[in-house]
Amino acid sequence: MIQFSHVYKTYPGPNHALKNISLLISKGELVFITGPSGAGKTTLFRMISAYDKPTSGSVTVAQKNSHNHAEEVLIEAPIECLPDSGLKIEPSEM
């Protein structure tokens, strides 16, 4: 299970990569995250793997909260991040 609760990530500038993100991904659920360059996809993945921490809010992965496991990588699993090519597939083409 992956849960984001009111997550914000701000970099110096101020550069707001994530603003008030709340989501729940259940075990076994397949999710695609798409968006243009700079939308926050990589930041989201860095939070899931605990390579980065939220400015505020909480990230929980497999019942481990990123604030409680500050130096521990929360998951060790393949996560793919593909750039948005602009290719759109209609349901009838699948």
N, C-alpha and C. Protein backbone atom coordinates (compact mmCIF):
# COMPACT_ATOMS: atom_id res chain seq x y z
N MET A 1 0.83 -1.17 0.00
CA MET A 1 0.00 0.00 0.00
C MET A 1 0.88 1.25 0.00
N ILE A 2 0.54 2.20 -0.81
CA ILE A 2 1.23 3.49 -0.86
C ILE A 2 0.19 4.56 -0.59
N GLN A 3 0.47 5.42 0.39
CA GLN A 3 -0.48 6.48 0.73
C GLN A 3 0.25 7.81 0.87
N PHE A 4 -0.26 8.80 0.18
CA PHE A 4 0.20 10.19 0.32
C PHE A 4 -0.94 10.95 0.99
N SER A 5 -0.62 11.70 2.02
CA SER A 5 -1.64 12.48 2.72
C SER A 5 -1.20 13.94 2.80
N HIS A 6 -1.84 14.77 2.01
CA HIS A 6 -1.59 16.22 1.97
C HIS A 6 -0.10 16.53 1.83
N VAL A 7 0.52 15.92 0.83
CA VAL A 7 1.97 16.05 0.62
C VAL A 7 2.28 17.29 -0.21
N TYR A 8 3.24 18.05 0.30
CA TYR A 8 3.80 19.20 -0.40
C TYR A 8 5.30 18.98 -0.50
N LYS A 9 5.89 19.37 -1.63
CA LYS A 9 7.35 19.39 -1.76
C LYS A 9 7.73 20.69 -2.42
N THR A 10 8.52 21.48 -1.70
CA THR A 10 8.97 22.77 -2.20
C THR A 10 10.49 22.78 -2.22
N TYR A 11 11.06 23.16 -3.34
CA TYR A 11 12.50 23.31 -3.49
C TYR A 11 12.83 24.79 -3.41
N PRO A 12 14.09 25.14 -3.17
CA PRO A 12 14.47 26.56 -3.12
C PRO A 12 14.04 27.29 -4.37
N GLY A 13 13.60 28.48 -4.19
CA GLY A 13 13.21 29.28 -5.35
C GLY A 13 12.05 30.22 -5.14
N PRO A 14 10.94 29.96 -4.55
CA PRO A 14 10.41 28.64 -4.21
C PRO A 14 9.85 27.94 -5.44
N ASN A 15 10.16 26.68 -5.56
CA ASN A 15 9.72 25.84 -6.66
C ASN A 15 8.81 24.77 -6.07
N HIS A 16 7.54 24.82 -6.35
CA HIS A 16 6.58 23.87 -5.78
C HIS A 16 6.44 22.67 -6.72
N ALA A 17 7.07 21.55 -6.36
CA ALA A 17 7.00 20.34 -7.18
C ALA A 17 5.70 19.58 -6.95
N LEU A 18 5.26 19.51 -5.69
CA LEU A 18 4.01 18.84 -5.35
C LEU A 18 3.20 19.75 -4.43
N LYS A 19 1.91 19.83 -4.70
CA LYS A 19 1.03 20.66 -3.87
C LYS A 19 -0.20 19.86 -3.46
N ASN A 20 -0.31 19.59 -2.16
CA ASN A 20 -1.48 18.96 -1.57
C ASN A 20 -1.88 17.67 -2.28
N ILE A 21 -0.93 16.74 -2.40
CA ILE A 21 -1.19 15.45 -3.05
C ILE A 21 -1.68 14.45 -2.02
N SER A 22 -2.84 13.89 -2.26
CA SER A 22 -3.39 12.82 -1.43
C SER A 22 -3.81 11.70 -2.37
N LEU A 23 -3.32 10.49 -2.10
CA LEU A 23 -3.69 9.34 -2.92
C LEU A 23 -3.48 8.06 -2.13
N LEU A 24 -4.14 7.01 -2.56
CA LEU A 24 -4.01 5.69 -1.95
C LEU A 24 -3.91 4.67 -3.07
N ILE A 25 -2.82 3.92 -3.08
CA ILE A 25 -2.61 2.85 -4.05
C ILE A 25 -2.56 1.55 -3.25
N SER A 26 -3.50 0.68 -3.48
CA SER A 26 -3.59 -0.58 -2.74
C SER A 26 -2.60 -1.60 -3.28
N LYS A 27 -2.25 -2.57 -2.45
CA LYS A 27 -1.35 -3.64 -2.84
C LYS A 27 -1.91 -4.34 -4.07
N GLY A 28 -1.06 -4.52 -5.08
CA GLY A 28 -1.46 -5.20 -6.30
C GLY A 28 -2.11 -4.31 -7.34
N GLU A 29 -2.40 -3.08 -6.98
CA GLU A 29 -3.04 -2.14 -7.91
C GLU A 29 -2.00 -1.61 -8.88
N LEU A 30 -2.34 -1.52 -10.16
CA LEU A 30 -1.46 -1.01 -11.20
C LEU A 30 -1.88 0.42 -11.51
N VAL A 31 -0.93 1.36 -11.40
CA VAL A 31 -1.22 2.78 -11.58
C VAL A 31 -0.23 3.37 -12.57
N PHE A 32 -0.72 4.19 -13.49
CA PHE A 32 0.12 4.93 -14.41
C PHE A 32 0.07 6.40 -14.03
N ILE A 33 1.22 7.02 -13.96
CA ILE A 33 1.30 8.45 -13.66
C ILE A 33 1.93 9.12 -14.87
N THR A 34 1.18 10.01 -15.48
CA THR A 34 1.67 10.70 -16.67
C THR A 34 1.59 12.20 -16.47
N GLY A 35 2.33 12.92 -17.26
CA GLY A 35 2.28 14.37 -17.20
C GLY A 35 3.47 14.96 -17.93
N PRO A 36 3.42 16.23 -18.19
CA PRO A 36 4.51 16.88 -18.90
C PRO A 36 5.76 17.01 -18.02
N SER A 37 6.84 17.35 -18.64
CA SER A 37 8.09 17.60 -17.92
C SER A 37 7.86 18.67 -16.86
N GLY A 38 8.35 18.40 -15.64
CA GLY A 38 8.21 19.37 -14.57
C GLY A 38 6.93 19.26 -13.77
N ALA A 39 6.11 18.24 -14.07
CA ALA A 39 4.82 18.08 -13.38
C ALA A 39 4.96 17.49 -11.98
N GLY A 40 6.11 16.88 -11.66
CA GLY A 40 6.31 16.31 -10.34
C GLY A 40 6.35 14.79 -10.29
N LYS A 41 6.38 14.13 -11.45
CA LYS A 41 6.39 12.66 -11.50
C LYS A 41 7.63 12.09 -10.80
N THR A 42 8.80 12.59 -11.12
CA THR A 42 10.03 12.08 -10.52
C THR A 42 10.06 12.37 -9.03
N THR A 43 9.61 13.54 -8.63
CA THR A 43 9.53 13.87 -7.20
C THR A 43 8.62 12.88 -6.48
N LEU A 44 7.50 12.54 -7.08
CA LEU A 44 6.57 11.57 -6.50
C LEU A 44 7.27 10.22 -6.30
N PHE A 45 8.00 9.75 -7.31
CA PHE A 45 8.71 8.47 -7.20
C PHE A 45 9.83 8.53 -6.16
N ARG A 46 10.50 9.67 -6.08
CA ARG A 46 11.55 9.82 -5.07
C ARG A 46 10.96 9.77 -3.66
N MET A 47 9.75 10.26 -3.49
CA MET A 47 9.08 10.19 -2.18
C MET A 47 8.68 8.76 -1.86
N ILE A 48 8.17 8.03 -2.84
CA ILE A 48 7.77 6.65 -2.63
C ILE A 48 8.96 5.81 -2.17
N SER A 49 10.11 6.04 -2.77
CA SER A 49 11.31 5.26 -2.44
C SER A 49 12.09 5.84 -1.28
N ALA A 50 11.65 6.95 -0.73
CA ALA A 50 12.28 7.63 0.41
C ALA A 50 13.65 8.21 0.08
N TYR A 51 13.91 8.46 -1.19
CA TYR A 51 15.12 9.18 -1.55
C TYR A 51 14.95 10.67 -1.32
N ASP A 52 13.71 11.09 -1.15
CA ASP A 52 13.41 12.49 -0.86
C ASP A 52 12.27 12.51 0.16
N LYS A 53 12.17 13.57 0.90
CA LYS A 53 11.15 13.70 1.95
C LYS A 53 10.20 14.84 1.60
N PRO A 54 8.95 14.73 2.02
CA PRO A 54 8.02 15.84 1.77
C PRO A 54 8.37 17.05 2.64
N THR A 55 8.07 18.23 2.13
CA THR A 55 8.20 19.45 2.92
C THR A 55 7.17 19.42 4.04
N SER A 56 5.97 18.93 3.71
CA SER A 56 4.93 18.70 4.72
C SER A 56 4.02 17.59 4.22
N GLY A 57 3.22 17.05 5.13
CA GLY A 57 2.38 15.92 4.80
C GLY A 57 3.09 14.62 5.12
N SER A 58 2.47 13.49 4.77
CA SER A 58 3.10 12.20 5.06
C SER A 58 2.99 11.25 3.89
N VAL A 59 4.02 10.41 3.77
CA VAL A 59 4.07 9.35 2.77
C VAL A 59 4.23 8.04 3.53
N THR A 60 3.33 7.10 3.28
CA THR A 60 3.39 5.79 3.92
C THR A 60 3.48 4.73 2.83
N VAL A 61 4.49 3.86 2.95
CA VAL A 61 4.68 2.77 2.00
C VAL A 61 4.83 1.49 2.81
N ALA A 62 3.99 0.50 2.52
CA ALA A 62 4.02 -0.79 3.23
C ALA A 62 3.99 -0.57 4.74
N GLN A 63 3.17 0.35 5.18
CA GLN A 63 2.94 0.67 6.59
C GLN A 63 4.16 1.29 7.28
N LYS A 64 5.10 1.83 6.49
CA LYS A 64 6.24 2.57 7.03
C LYS A 64 6.09 4.02 6.62
N ASN A 65 6.11 4.91 7.59
CA ASN A 65 5.98 6.34 7.32
C ASN A 65 7.35 6.93 7.07
N SER A 66 7.46 7.77 6.05
CA SER A 66 8.76 8.35 5.68
C SER A 66 9.38 9.17 6.81
N HIS A 67 8.56 9.77 7.67
CA HIS A 67 9.11 10.55 8.78
C HIS A 67 9.71 9.65 9.85
N ASN A 68 9.15 8.46 10.03
CA ASN A 68 9.63 7.54 11.06
C ASN A 68 10.82 6.70 10.59
N HIS A 69 11.03 6.62 9.29
CA HIS A 69 12.11 5.82 8.72
C HIS A 69 12.98 6.71 7.85
N ALA A 70 13.51 7.74 8.44
CA ALA A 70 14.19 8.81 7.70
C ALA A 70 15.39 8.33 6.90
N GLU A 71 16.14 7.38 7.39
CA GLU A 71 17.36 6.95 6.69
C GLU A 71 17.18 5.64 5.94
N GLU A 72 15.97 5.12 5.90
CA GLU A 72 15.72 3.81 5.32
C GLU A 72 14.97 3.95 4.01
N VAL A 73 15.42 3.26 2.98
CA VAL A 73 14.68 3.22 1.73
C VAL A 73 13.42 2.40 1.98
N LEU A 74 12.27 2.96 1.66
CA LEU A 74 11.01 2.33 2.01
C LEU A 74 10.70 1.11 1.16
N ILE A 75 11.08 1.12 -0.11
CA ILE A 75 10.84 -0.05 -0.95
C ILE A 75 12.04 -0.29 -1.83
N GLU A 76 12.23 -1.54 -2.19
CA GLU A 76 13.25 -1.90 -3.16
C GLU A 76 12.54 -2.72 -4.23
N ALA A 77 11.96 -2.04 -5.18
CA ALA A 77 11.21 -2.68 -6.25
C ALA A 77 11.38 -1.85 -7.50
N PRO A 78 11.27 -2.49 -8.65
CA PRO A 78 11.40 -1.71 -9.89
C PRO A 78 10.25 -0.74 -10.07
N ILE A 79 10.58 0.51 -10.29
CA ILE A 79 9.58 1.54 -10.59
C ILE A 79 10.06 2.21 -11.87
N GLU A 80 9.20 2.27 -12.85
CA GLU A 80 9.56 2.86 -14.13
C GLU A 80 8.97 4.25 -14.25
N CYS A 81 9.74 5.16 -14.78
CA CYS A 81 9.29 6.51 -15.05
C CYS A 81 9.60 6.81 -16.51
N LEU A 82 8.57 6.89 -17.32
CA LEU A 82 8.73 7.13 -18.75
C LEU A 82 8.26 8.53 -19.08
N PRO A 83 9.00 9.24 -19.93
CA PRO A 83 8.56 10.58 -20.31
C PRO A 83 7.28 10.50 -21.13
N ASP A 84 6.45 11.50 -21.02
CA ASP A 84 5.20 11.57 -21.77
C ASP A 84 5.54 11.91 -23.22
N SER A 85 5.26 10.97 -24.11
CA SER A 85 5.58 11.16 -25.53
C SER A 85 4.48 11.89 -26.27
N GLY A 86 3.35 12.08 -25.61
CA GLY A 86 2.21 12.71 -26.27
C GLY A 86 1.36 11.70 -27.02
N LEU A 87 1.79 10.42 -27.07
CA LEU A 87 1.05 9.38 -27.75
C LEU A 87 -0.21 9.06 -26.96
N LYS A 88 -1.33 9.10 -27.60
CA LYS A 88 -2.61 8.78 -26.96
C LYS A 88 -3.16 7.50 -27.56
N ILE A 89 -3.52 6.54 -26.74
CA ILE A 89 -4.09 5.28 -27.20
C ILE A 89 -5.56 5.26 -26.81
N GLU A 90 -6.40 5.09 -27.80
CA GLU A 90 -7.82 5.01 -27.55
C GLU A 90 -8.16 3.61 -27.05
N PRO A 91 -9.14 3.47 -26.15
CA PRO A 91 -9.52 2.17 -25.63
C PRO A 91 -9.80 1.14 -26.71
N SER A 92 -10.35 1.56 -27.85
CA SER A 92 -10.67 0.64 -28.94
C SER A 92 -9.42 0.08 -29.60
N GLU A 93 -8.25 0.70 -29.39
CA GLU A 93 -6.99 0.24 -29.98
C GLU A 93 -6.29 -0.79 -29.13
N MET A 94 -6.78 -1.03 -27.92
CA MET A 94 -6.11 -1.94 -27.00
C MET A 94 -6.49 -3.39 -27.26
